[in-house]
């Protein structure tokens, strides 16, 4: 139940947006998110799975830039720059994915 709640919670989506904005400034945004949330880099199989999710979301948001802007404009966040909307929204999905991992929630 906690995953469904957290996936749709405005605060968690806002946190995902802030993390995505910060990750966009890094040369390796996926590793940036992993290090920030998991305190480690992803192993090869994890990296492959996350990159697949990233690429699928990025393609979908590039095909629907208005959806990307709407998704990334959550809570009190301002809309992303038009040129960054798809990347921001796709990274938000990755940040949300990582935020909802048991490893992130429990830090065991």
PDB file of N, CA and C in Angstrom:
ATOM      1  N   UNK A   1       0.804  -1.197   0.000  1.00  0.00           N
ATOM      2  CA  UNK A   1       0.000   0.000   0.000  1.00  0.00           C
ATOM      3  C   UNK A   1       0.852   1.267   0.000  1.00  0.00           C
ATOM      4  N   UNK A   2       2.014   1.219   0.700  1.00  0.00           N
ATOM      5  CA  UNK A   2       2.803   2.443   0.781  1.00  0.00           C
ATOM      6  C   UNK A   2       3.282   2.884  -0.594  1.00  0.00           C
ATOM      7  N   UNK A   3       3.588   1.939  -1.487  1.00  0.00           N
ATOM      8  CA  UNK A   3       4.084   2.316  -2.812  1.00  0.00           C
ATOM      9  C   UNK A   3       3.023   3.077  -3.592  1.00  0.00           C
ATOM     10  N   UNK A   4       1.775   2.627  -3.547  1.00  0.00           N
ATOM     11  CA  UNK A   4       0.702   3.334  -4.258  1.00  0.00           C
ATOM     12  C   UNK A   4       0.510   4.732  -3.701  1.00  0.00           C
ATOM     13  N   UNK A   5       0.593   4.842  -2.392  1.00  0.00           N
ATOM     14  CA  UNK A   5       0.456   6.156  -1.766  1.00  0.00           C
ATOM     15  C   UNK A   5       1.600   7.069  -2.169  1.00  0.00           C
ATOM     16  N   UNK A   6       2.819   6.572  -2.075  1.00  0.00           N
ATOM     17  CA  UNK A   6       3.982   7.403  -2.369  1.00  0.00           C
ATOM     18  C   UNK A   6       4.083   7.763  -3.847  1.00  0.00           C
ATOM     19  N   UNK A   7       3.685   6.853  -4.734  1.00  0.00           N
ATOM     20  CA  UNK A   7       3.764   7.148  -6.167  1.00  0.00           C
ATOM     21  C   UNK A   7       2.885   8.324  -6.555  1.00  0.00           C
ATOM     22  N   UNK A   8       1.783   8.506  -5.835  1.00  0.00           N
ATOM     23  CA  UNK A   8       0.819   9.545  -6.196  1.00  0.00           C
ATOM     24  C   UNK A   8       0.812  10.739  -5.244  1.00  0.00           C
ATOM     25  N   UNK A   9       1.640  10.702  -4.240  1.00  0.00           N
ATOM     26  CA  UNK A   9       1.669  11.766  -3.254  1.00  0.00           C
ATOM     27  C   UNK A   9       2.333  13.015  -3.827  1.00  0.00           C
ATOM     28  N   UNK A  10       1.685  14.142  -3.660  1.00  0.00           N
ATOM     29  CA  UNK A  10       2.209  15.403  -4.199  1.00  0.00           C
ATOM     30  C   UNK A  10       3.597  15.717  -3.648  1.00  0.00           C
ATOM     31  N   UNK A  11       3.802  15.494  -2.374  1.00  0.00           N
ATOM     32  CA  UNK A  11       5.102  15.784  -1.775  1.00  0.00           C
ATOM     33  C   UNK A  11       6.195  14.924  -2.400  1.00  0.00           C
ATOM     34  N   UNK A  12       5.903  13.653  -2.620  1.00  0.00           N
ATOM     35  CA  UNK A  12       6.893  12.757  -3.232  1.00  0.00           C
ATOM     36  C   UNK A  12       7.154  13.156  -4.688  1.00  0.00           C
ATOM     37  N   UNK A  13       6.114  13.579  -5.395  1.00  0.00           N
ATOM     38  CA  UNK A  13       6.300  14.029  -6.775  1.00  0.00           C
ATOM     39  C   UNK A  13       7.106  15.326  -6.818  1.00  0.00           C
ATOM     40  N   UNK A  14       6.864  16.207  -5.859  1.00  0.00           N
ATOM     41  CA  UNK A  14       7.671  17.430  -5.788  1.00  0.00           C
ATOM     42  C   UNK A  14       9.131  17.090  -5.485  1.00  0.00           C
ATOM     43  N   UNK A  15       9.343  16.153  -4.588  1.00  0.00           N
ATOM     44  CA  UNK A  15      10.714  15.724  -4.283  1.00  0.00           C
ATOM     45  C   UNK A  15      11.361  15.120  -5.525  1.00  0.00           C
ATOM     46  N   UNK A  16      10.605  14.326  -6.272  1.00  0.00           N
ATOM     47  CA  UNK A  16      11.116  13.742  -7.517  1.00  0.00           C
ATOM     48  C   UNK A  16      11.497  14.829  -8.506  1.00  0.00           C
ATOM     49  N   UNK A  17      10.711  15.881  -8.571  1.00  0.00           N
ATOM     50  CA  UNK A  17      10.994  16.983  -9.490  1.00  0.00           C
ATOM     51  C   UNK A  17      12.283  17.690  -9.097  1.00  0.00           C
ATOM     52  N   UNK A  18      12.462  17.970  -7.816  1.00  0.00           N
ATOM     53  CA  UNK A  18      13.680  18.644  -7.355  1.00  0.00           C
ATOM     54  C   UNK A  18      14.896  17.768  -7.634  1.00  0.00           C
ATOM     55  N   UNK A  19      14.778  16.482  -7.348  1.00  0.00           N
ATOM     56  CA  UNK A  19      15.878  15.559  -7.625  1.00  0.00           C
ATOM     57  C   UNK A  19      16.184  15.505  -9.120  1.00  0.00           C
ATOM     58  N   UNK A  20      15.145  15.501  -9.952  1.00  0.00           N
ATOM     59  CA  UNK A  20      15.345  15.479 -11.404  1.00  0.00           C
ATOM     60  C   UNK A  20      16.058  16.739 -11.876  1.00  0.00           C
ATOM     61  N   UNK A  21      15.642  17.892 -11.358  1.00  0.00           N
ATOM     62  CA  UNK A  21      16.300  19.146 -11.734  1.00  0.00           C
ATOM     63  C   UNK A  21      17.781  19.119 -11.372  1.00  0.00           C
ATOM     64  N   UNK A  22      18.093  18.610 -10.195  1.00  0.00           N
ATOM     65  CA  UNK A  22      19.490  18.531  -9.765  1.00  0.00           C
ATOM     66  C   UNK A  22      20.265  17.529 -10.616  1.00  0.00           C
ATOM     67  N   UNK A  23      19.638  16.399 -10.932  1.00  0.00           N
ATOM     68  CA  UNK A  23      20.305  15.349 -11.711  1.00  0.00           C
ATOM     69  C   UNK A  23      20.600  15.812 -13.132  1.00  0.00           C
ATOM     70  N   UNK A  24      19.751  16.665 -13.680  1.00  0.00           N
ATOM     71  CA  UNK A  24      19.974  17.177 -15.034  1.00  0.00           C
ATOM     72  C   UNK A  24      21.282  17.942 -15.150  1.00  0.00           C
ATOM     73  N   UNK A  25      21.767  18.459 -14.053  1.00  0.00           N
ATOM     74  CA  UNK A  25      23.007  19.227 -14.064  1.00  0.00           C
ATOM     75  C   UNK A  25      24.246  18.326 -14.043  1.00  0.00           C
ATOM     76  N   UNK A  26      24.054  17.024 -13.833  1.00  0.00           N
ATOM     77  CA  UNK A  26      25.145  16.066 -13.737  1.00  0.00           C
ATOM     78  C   UNK A  26      25.364  15.401 -15.091  1.00  0.00           C
ATOM     79  N   UNK A  27      26.601  14.993 -15.356  1.00  0.00           N
ATOM     80  CA  UNK A  27      26.910  14.290 -16.604  1.00  0.00           C
ATOM     81  C   UNK A  27      26.237  12.921 -16.677  1.00  0.00           C
ATOM     82  N   UNK A  28      25.983  12.306 -15.534  1.00  0.00           N
ATOM     83  CA  UNK A  28      25.344  11.000 -15.462  1.00  0.00           C
ATOM     84  C   UNK A  28      24.155  11.106 -14.499  1.00  0.00           C
ATOM     85  N   UNK A  29      23.007  11.580 -15.003  1.00  0.00           N
ATOM     86  CA  UNK A  29      21.882  11.842 -14.104  1.00  0.00           C
ATOM     87  C   UNK A  29      21.349  10.605 -13.387  1.00  0.00           C
ATOM     88  N   UNK A  30      21.429   9.453 -14.013  1.00  0.00           N
ATOM     89  CA  UNK A  30      20.931   8.239 -13.367  1.00  0.00           C
ATOM     90  C   UNK A  30      21.819   7.880 -12.179  1.00  0.00           C
ATOM     91  N   UNK A  31      23.115   7.933 -12.367  1.00  0.00           N
ATOM     92  CA  UNK A  31      24.027   7.652 -11.253  1.00  0.00           C
ATOM     93  C   UNK A  31      23.866   8.704 -10.162  1.00  0.00           C
ATOM     94  N   UNK A  32      23.655   9.934 -10.561  1.00  0.00           N
ATOM     95  CA  UNK A  32      23.432  11.005  -9.585  1.00  0.00           C
ATOM     96  C   UNK A  32      22.248  10.656  -8.686  1.00  0.00           C
ATOM     97  N   UNK A  33      21.135  10.242  -9.289  1.00  0.00           N
ATOM     98  CA  UNK A  33      19.954   9.889  -8.505  1.00  0.00           C
ATOM     99  C   UNK A  33      20.225   8.691  -7.600  1.00  0.00           C
ATOM    100  N   UNK A  34      20.897   7.682  -8.131  1.00  0.00           N
ATOM    101  CA  UNK A  34      21.192   6.491  -7.329  1.00  0.00           C
ATOM    102  C   UNK A  34      22.054   6.851  -6.123  1.00  0.00           C
ATOM    103  N   UNK A  35      23.080   7.659  -6.351  1.00  0.00           N
ATOM    104  CA  UNK A  35      23.961   8.036  -5.244  1.00  0.00           C
ATOM    105  C   UNK A  35      23.237   8.879  -4.212  1.00  0.00           C
ATOM    106  N   UNK A  36      22.349   9.753  -4.657  1.00  0.00           N
ATOM    107  CA  UNK A  36      21.595  10.603  -3.729  1.00  0.00           C
ATOM    108  C   UNK A  36      20.590   9.804  -2.908  1.00  0.00           C
ATOM    109  N   UNK A  37      19.950   8.824  -3.536  1.00  0.00           N
ATOM    110  CA  UNK A  37      18.868   8.113  -2.865  1.00  0.00           C
ATOM    111  C   UNK A  37      19.284   6.788  -2.229  1.00  0.00           C
ATOM    112  N   UNK A  38      20.200   6.087  -2.873  1.00  0.00           N
ATOM    113  CA  UNK A  38      20.618   4.778  -2.374  1.00  0.00           C
ATOM    114  C   UNK A  38      21.979   4.816  -1.699  1.00  0.00           C
ATOM    115  N   UNK A  39      22.674   5.939  -1.849  1.00  0.00           N
ATOM    116  CA  UNK A  39      24.022   6.117  -1.318  1.00  0.00           C
ATOM    117  C   UNK A  39      25.012   5.137  -1.953  1.00  0.00           C
ATOM    118  N   UNK A  40      24.731   4.758  -3.193  1.00  0.00           N
ATOM    119  CA  UNK A  40      25.611   3.865  -3.942  1.00  0.00           C
ATOM    120  C   UNK A  40      25.252   3.965  -5.418  1.00  0.00           C
ATOM    121  N   UNK A  41      26.164   3.511  -6.257  1.00  0.00           N
ATOM    122  CA  UNK A  41      25.866   3.413  -7.683  1.00  0.00           C
ATOM    123  C   UNK A  41      25.106   2.117  -7.935  1.00  0.00           C
ATOM    124  N   UNK A  42      24.410   2.070  -9.043  1.00  0.00           N
ATOM    125  CA  UNK A  42      23.662   0.871  -9.409  1.00  0.00           C
ATOM    126  C   UNK A  42      24.600  -0.180  -9.967  1.00  0.00           C
ATOM    127  N   UNK A  43      24.288  -1.464  -9.719  1.00  0.00           N
ATOM    128  CA  UNK A  43      25.075  -2.506 -10.368  1.00  0.00           C
ATOM    129  C   UNK A  43      24.604  -2.626 -11.815  1.00  0.00           C
ATOM    130  N   UNK A  44      25.256  -3.451 -12.576  1.00  0.00           N
ATOM    131  CA  UNK A  44      25.004  -3.517 -14.022  1.00  0.00           C
ATOM    132  C   UNK A  44      23.560  -3.874 -14.355  1.00  0.00           C
ATOM    133  N   UNK A  45      22.999  -4.861 -13.693  1.00  0.00           N
ATOM    134  CA  UNK A  45      21.620  -5.260 -14.006  1.00  0.00           C
ATOM    135  C   UNK A  45      20.623  -4.183 -13.575  1.00  0.00           C
ATOM    136  N   UNK A  46      20.881  -3.556 -12.435  1.00  0.00           N
ATOM    137  CA  UNK A  46      20.016  -2.461 -11.988  1.00  0.00           C
ATOM    138  C   UNK A  46      20.100  -1.293 -12.960  1.00  0.00           C
ATOM    139  N   UNK A  47      21.314  -0.989 -13.373  1.00  0.00           N
ATOM    140  CA  UNK A  47      21.526   0.122 -14.303  1.00  0.00           C
ATOM    141  C   UNK A  47      20.784  -0.129 -15.617  1.00  0.00           C
ATOM    142  N   UNK A  48      20.867  -1.357 -16.131  1.00  0.00           N
ATOM    143  CA  UNK A  48      20.166  -1.705 -17.369  1.00  0.00           C
ATOM    144  C   UNK A  48      18.655  -1.516 -17.224  1.00  0.00           C
ATOM    145  N   UNK A  49      18.101  -1.965 -16.102  1.00  0.00           N
ATOM    146  CA  UNK A  49      16.660  -1.839 -15.877  1.00  0.00           C
ATOM    147  C   UNK A  49      16.239  -0.369 -15.782  1.00  0.00           C
ATOM    148  N   UNK A  50      17.023   0.419 -15.068  1.00  0.00           N
ATOM    149  CA  UNK A  50      16.690   1.840 -14.900  1.00  0.00           C
ATOM    150  C   UNK A  50      16.856   2.588 -16.222  1.00  0.00           C
ATOM    151  N   UNK A  51      17.901   2.283 -16.977  1.00  0.00           N
ATOM    152  CA  UNK A  51      18.088   2.931 -18.277  1.00  0.00           C
ATOM    153  C   UNK A  51      16.965   2.576 -19.244  1.00  0.00           C
ATOM    154  N   UNK A  52      16.475   1.346 -19.184  1.00  0.00           N
ATOM    155  CA  UNK A  52      15.339   0.957 -20.024  1.00  0.00           C
ATOM    156  C   UNK A  52      14.111   1.792 -19.664  1.00  0.00           C
ATOM    157  N   UNK A  53      13.837   1.909 -18.371  1.00  0.00           N
ATOM    158  CA  UNK A  53      12.703   2.728 -17.924  1.00  0.00           C
ATOM    159  C   UNK A  53      12.886   4.186 -18.338  1.00  0.00           C
ATOM    160  N   UNK A  54      14.101   4.695 -18.177  1.00  0.00           N
ATOM    161  CA  UNK A  54      14.421   6.070 -18.572  1.00  0.00           C
ATOM    162  C   UNK A  54      14.142   6.292 -20.057  1.00  0.00           C
ATOM    163  N   UNK A  55      14.644   5.390 -20.898  1.00  0.00           N
ATOM    164  CA  UNK A  55      14.484   5.543 -22.345  1.00  0.00           C
ATOM    165  C   UNK A  55      13.025   5.464 -22.776  1.00  0.00           C
ATOM    166  N   UNK A  56      12.267   4.567 -22.177  1.00  0.00           N
ATOM    167  CA  UNK A  56      10.840   4.449 -22.507  1.00  0.00           C
ATOM    168  C   UNK A  56      10.112   5.735 -22.130  1.00  0.00           C
ATOM    169  N   UNK A  57      10.344   6.218 -20.924  1.00  0.00           N
ATOM    170  CA  UNK A  57       9.684   7.447 -20.472  1.00  0.00           C
ATOM    171  C   UNK A  57      10.122   8.655 -21.273  1.00  0.00           C
ATOM    172  N   UNK A  58      11.402   8.734 -21.576  1.00  0.00           N
ATOM    173  CA  UNK A  58      11.913   9.865 -22.345  1.00  0.00           C
ATOM    174  C   UNK A  58      11.261   9.913 -23.723  1.00  0.00           C
ATOM    175  N   UNK A  59      11.171   8.773 -24.379  1.00  0.00           N
ATOM    176  CA  UNK A  59      10.539   8.719 -25.701  1.00  0.00           C
ATOM    177  C   UNK A  59       9.072   9.141 -25.623  1.00  0.00           C
ATOM    178  N   UNK A  60       8.347   8.634 -24.615  1.00  0.00           N
ATOM    179  CA  UNK A  60       6.938   8.990 -24.475  1.00  0.00           C
ATOM    180  C   UNK A  60       6.764  10.481 -24.208  1.00  0.00           C
ATOM    181  N   UNK A  61       7.602  11.040 -23.354  1.00  0.00           N
ATOM    182  CA  UNK A  61       7.475  12.464 -23.048  1.00  0.00           C
ATOM    183  C   UNK A  61       7.945  13.341 -24.204  1.00  0.00           C
ATOM    184  N   UNK A  62       8.881  12.876 -25.001  1.00  0.00           N
ATOM    185  CA  UNK A  62       9.278  13.648 -26.188  1.00  0.00           C
ATOM    186  C   UNK A  62       8.159  13.675 -27.221  1.00  0.00           C
ATOM    187  N   UNK A  63       7.384  12.588 -27.280  1.00  0.00           N
ATOM    188  CA  UNK A  63       6.255  12.528 -28.213  1.00  0.00           C
ATOM    189  C   UNK A  63       5.063  13.334 -27.718  1.00  0.00           C
ATOM    190  N   UNK A  64       5.023  13.634 -26.434  1.00  0.00           N
ATOM    191  CA  UNK A  64       3.912  14.384 -25.843  1.00  0.00           C
ATOM    192  C   UNK A  64       4.471  15.437 -24.883  1.00  0.00           C
ATOM    193  N   UNK A  65       5.083  16.490 -25.432  1.00  0.00           N
ATOM    194  CA  UNK A  65       5.730  17.487 -24.569  1.00  0.00           C
ATOM    195  C   UNK A  65       4.775  18.189 -23.607  1.00  0.00           C
ATOM    196  N   UNK A  66       3.512  18.335 -24.004  1.00  0.00           N
ATOM    197  CA  UNK A  66       2.551  18.958 -23.088  1.00  0.00           C
ATOM    198  C   UNK A  66       2.323  18.069 -21.860  1.00  0.00           C
ATOM    199  N   UNK A  67       2.307  16.758 -22.072  1.00  0.00           N
ATOM    200  CA  UNK A  67       2.168  15.824 -20.951  1.00  0.00           C
ATOM    201  C   UNK A  67       3.381  15.906 -20.038  1.00  0.00           C
ATOM    202  N   UNK A  68       4.550  16.064 -20.633  1.00  0.00           N
ATOM    203  CA  UNK A  68       5.780  16.186 -19.837  1.00  0.00           C
ATOM    204  C   UNK A  68       5.715  17.431 -18.958  1.00  0.00           C
ATOM    205  N   UNK A  69       5.294  18.539 -19.534  1.00  0.00           N
ATOM    206  CA  UNK A  69       5.196  19.785 -18.776  1.00  0.00           C
ATOM    207  C   UNK A  69       4.161  19.658 -17.666  1.00  0.00           C
ATOM    208  N   UNK A  70       3.020  19.070 -17.975  1.00  0.00           N
ATOM    209  CA  UNK A  70       1.968  18.888 -16.966  1.00  0.00           C
ATOM    210  C   UNK A  70       2.457  18.001 -15.826  1.00  0.00           C
ATOM    211  N   UNK A  71       3.101  16.891 -16.172  1.00  0.00           N
ATOM    212  CA  UNK A  71       3.598  15.967 -15.154  1.00  0.00           C
ATOM    213  C   UNK A  71       4.651  16.629 -14.269  1.00  0.00           C
ATOM    214  N   UNK A  72       5.521  17.408 -14.860  1.00  0.00           N
ATOM    215  CA  UNK A  72       6.615  18.028 -14.114  1.00  0.00           C
ATOM    216  C   UNK A  72       6.175  19.264 -13.333  1.00  0.00           C
ATOM    217  N   UNK A  73       5.004  19.774 -13.622  1.00  0.00           N
ATOM    218  CA  UNK A  73       4.489  20.949 -12.913  1.00  0.00           C
ATOM    219  C   UNK A  73       3.551  20.454 -11.824  1.00  0.00           C
ATOM    220  N   UNK A  74       4.143  20.052 -10.732  1.00  0.00           N
ATOM    221  CA  UNK A  74       3.396  19.429  -9.647  1.00  0.00           C
ATOM    222  C   UNK A  74       3.539  20.263  -8.389  1.00  0.00           C
ATOM    223  N   UNK A  75       2.475  20.310  -7.604  1.00  0.00           N
ATOM    224  CA  UNK A  75       2.532  21.065  -6.353  1.00  0.00           C
ATOM    225  C   UNK A  75       2.891  22.510  -6.594  1.00  0.00           C
ATOM    226  N   UNK A  76       3.938  22.966  -5.962  1.00  0.00           N
ATOM    227  CA  UNK A  76       4.357  24.360  -6.072  1.00  0.00           C
ATOM    228  C   UNK A  76       5.511  24.548  -7.052  1.00  0.00           C
ATOM    229  N   UNK A  77       5.807  23.529  -7.840  1.00  0.00           N
ATOM    230  CA  UNK A  77       6.901  23.614  -8.806  1.00  0.00           C
ATOM    231  C   UNK A  77       6.478  24.418 -10.033  1.00  0.00           C
ATOM    232  N   UNK A  78       7.394  25.217 -10.532  1.00  0.00           N
ATOM    233  CA  UNK A  78       7.159  25.946 -11.770  1.00  0.00           C
ATOM    234  C   UNK A  78       7.338  24.984 -12.937  1.00  0.00           C
ATOM    235  N   UNK A  79       6.717  25.269 -14.068  1.00  0.00           N
ATOM    236  CA  UNK A  79       6.924  24.406 -15.239  1.00  0.00           C
ATOM    237  C   UNK A  79       8.406  24.390 -15.630  1.00  0.00           C
ATOM    238  N   UNK A  80       8.877  23.253 -16.112  1.00  0.00           N
ATOM    239  CA  UNK A  80      10.274  23.213 -16.568  1.00  0.00           C
ATOM    240  C   UNK A  80      10.423  24.007 -17.857  1.00  0.00           C
ATOM    241  N   UNK A  81      11.648  24.355 -18.186  1.00  0.00           N
ATOM    242  CA  UNK A  81      11.897  24.998 -19.469  1.00  0.00           C
ATOM    243  C   UNK A  81      11.434  24.047 -20.570  1.00  0.00           C
ATOM    244  N   UNK A  82      10.872  24.594 -21.617  1.00  0.00           N
ATOM    245  CA  UNK A  82      10.309  23.767 -22.690  1.00  0.00           C
ATOM    246  C   UNK A  82      11.322  22.758 -23.226  1.00  0.00           C
ATOM    247  N   UNK A  83      12.571  23.183 -23.393  1.00  0.00           N
ATOM    248  CA  UNK A  83      13.597  22.295 -23.951  1.00  0.00           C
ATOM    249  C   UNK A  83      13.968  21.171 -22.987  1.00  0.00           C
ATOM    250  N   UNK A  84      13.692  21.345 -21.681  1.00  0.00           N
ATOM    251  CA  UNK A  84      14.043  20.360 -20.668  1.00  0.00           C
ATOM    252  C   UNK A  84      12.855  19.534 -20.184  1.00  0.00           C
ATOM    253  N   UNK A  85      11.662  19.812 -20.674  1.00  0.00           N
ATOM    254  CA  UNK A  85      10.455  19.192 -20.115  1.00  0.00           C
ATOM    255  C   UNK A  85      10.482  17.672 -20.192  1.00  0.00           C
ATOM    256  N   UNK A  86      10.818  17.116 -21.346  1.00  0.00           N
ATOM    257  CA  UNK A  86      10.809  15.657 -21.498  1.00  0.00           C
ATOM    258  C   UNK A  86      11.854  15.004 -20.594  1.00  0.00           C
ATOM    259  N   UNK A  87      13.055  15.566 -20.558  1.00  0.00           N
ATOM    260  CA  UNK A  87      14.111  15.015 -19.722  1.00  0.00           C
ATOM    261  C   UNK A  87      13.760  15.131 -18.241  1.00  0.00           C
ATOM    262  N   UNK A  88      13.194  16.268 -17.861  1.00  0.00           N
ATOM    263  CA  UNK A  88      12.799  16.464 -16.464  1.00  0.00           C
ATOM    264  C   UNK A  88      11.733  15.458 -16.067  1.00  0.00           C
ATOM    265  N   UNK A  89      10.703  15.312 -16.877  1.00  0.00           N
ATOM    266  CA  UNK A  89       9.619  14.382 -16.560  1.00  0.00           C
ATOM    267  C   UNK A  89      10.123  12.936 -16.519  1.00  0.00           C
ATOM    268  N   UNK A  90      10.976  12.567 -17.465  1.00  0.00           N
ATOM    269  CA  UNK A  90      11.511  11.202 -17.480  1.00  0.00           C
ATOM    270  C   UNK A  90      12.378  10.950 -16.245  1.00  0.00           C
ATOM    271  N   UNK A  91      13.185  11.914 -15.865  1.00  0.00           N
ATOM    272  CA  UNK A  91      14.006  11.754 -14.660  1.00  0.00           C
ATOM    273  C   UNK A  91      13.149  11.750 -13.402  1.00  0.00           C
ATOM    274  N   UNK A  92      12.034  12.461 -13.420  1.00  0.00           N
ATOM    275  CA  UNK A  92      11.109  12.402 -12.294  1.00  0.00           C
ATOM    276  C   UNK A  92      10.600  10.979 -12.096  1.00  0.00           C
ATOM    277  N   UNK A  93      10.303  10.292 -13.195  1.00  0.00           N
ATOM    278  CA  UNK A  93       9.811   8.915 -13.063  1.00  0.00           C
ATOM    279  C   UNK A  93      10.898   8.020 -12.465  1.00  0.00           C
ATOM    280  N   UNK A  94      12.142   8.257 -12.857  1.00  0.00           N
ATOM    281  CA  UNK A  94      13.249   7.462 -12.312  1.00  0.00           C
ATOM    282  C   UNK A  94      13.449   7.798 -10.831  1.00  0.00           C
ATOM    283  N   UNK A  95      13.399   9.066 -10.480  1.00  0.00           N
ATOM    284  CA  UNK A  95      13.530   9.464  -9.077  1.00  0.00           C
ATOM    285  C   UNK A  95      12.400   8.851  -8.249  1.00  0.00           C
ATOM    286  N   UNK A  96      11.196   8.872  -8.775  1.00  0.00           N
ATOM    287  CA  UNK A  96      10.059   8.279  -8.081  1.00  0.00           C
ATOM    288  C   UNK A  96      10.240   6.775  -7.918  1.00  0.00           C
ATOM    289  N   UNK A  97      10.720   6.131  -8.966  1.00  0.00           N
ATOM    290  CA  UNK A  97      10.993   4.696  -8.911  1.00  0.00           C
ATOM    291  C   UNK A  97      11.987   4.390  -7.789  1.00  0.00           C
ATOM    292  N   UNK A  98      13.083   5.133  -7.747  1.00  0.00           N
ATOM    293  CA  UNK A  98      14.107   4.905  -6.736  1.00  0.00           C
ATOM    294  C   UNK A  98      13.622   5.279  -5.330  1.00  0.00           C
ATOM    295  N   UNK A  99      12.809   6.335  -5.237  1.00  0.00           N
ATOM    296  CA  UNK A  99      12.270   6.728  -3.939  1.00  0.00           C
ATOM    297  C   UNK A  99      11.370   5.656  -3.352  1.00  0.00           C
ATOM    298  N   UNK A 100      10.735   4.863  -4.200  1.00  0.00           N
ATOM    299  CA  UNK A 100       9.795   3.848  -3.743  1.00  0.00           C
ATOM    300  C   UNK A 100      10.433   2.489  -3.492  1.00  0.00           C
ATOM    301  N   UNK A 101      11.717   2.364  -3.696  1.00  0.00           N
ATOM    302  CA  UNK A 101      12.389   1.104  -3.387  1.00  0.00           C
ATOM    303  C   UNK A 101      12.429   0.899  -1.875  1.00  0.00           C
ATOM    304  N   UNK A 102      12.262  -0.343  -1.465  1.00  0.00           N
ATOM    305  CA  UNK A 102      12.355  -0.660  -0.051  1.00  0.00           C
ATOM    306  C   UNK A 102      13.714  -0.232   0.504  1.00  0.00           C
ATOM    307  N   UNK A 103      14.746  -0.401  -0.305  1.00  0.00           N
ATOM    308  CA  UNK A 103      16.096  -0.006   0.113  1.00  0.00           C
ATOM    309  C   UNK A 103      16.163   1.486   0.451  1.00  0.00           C
ATOM    310  N   UNK A 104      15.450   2.293  -0.297  1.00  0.00           N
ATOM    311  CA  UNK A 104      15.445   3.737  -0.042  1.00  0.00           C
ATOM    312  C   UNK A 104      14.621   4.062   1.197  1.00  0.00           C
ATOM    313  N   UNK A 105      13.483   3.425   1.310  1.00  0.00           N
ATOM    314  CA  UNK A 105      12.583   3.730   2.413  1.00  0.00           C
ATOM    315  C   UNK A 105      13.117   3.277   3.762  1.00  0.00           C
ATOM    316  N   UNK A 106      13.841   2.163   3.786  1.00  0.00           N
ATOM    317  CA  UNK A 106      14.306   1.626   5.061  1.00  0.00           C
ATOM    318  C   UNK A 106      15.788   1.875   5.323  1.00  0.00           C
ATOM    319  N   UNK A 107      16.578   2.109   4.262  1.00  0.00           N
ATOM    320  CA  UNK A 107      18.019   2.329   4.368  1.00  0.00           C
ATOM    321  C   UNK A 107      18.699   1.250   5.210  1.00  0.00           C
ATOM    322  N   UNK A 108      18.305   0.010   4.941  1.00  0.00           N
ATOM    323  CA  UNK A 108      18.917  -1.126   5.663  1.00  0.00           C
ATOM    324  C   UNK A 108      20.171  -1.580   4.970  1.00  0.00           C
TER     325      UNK A 108
END
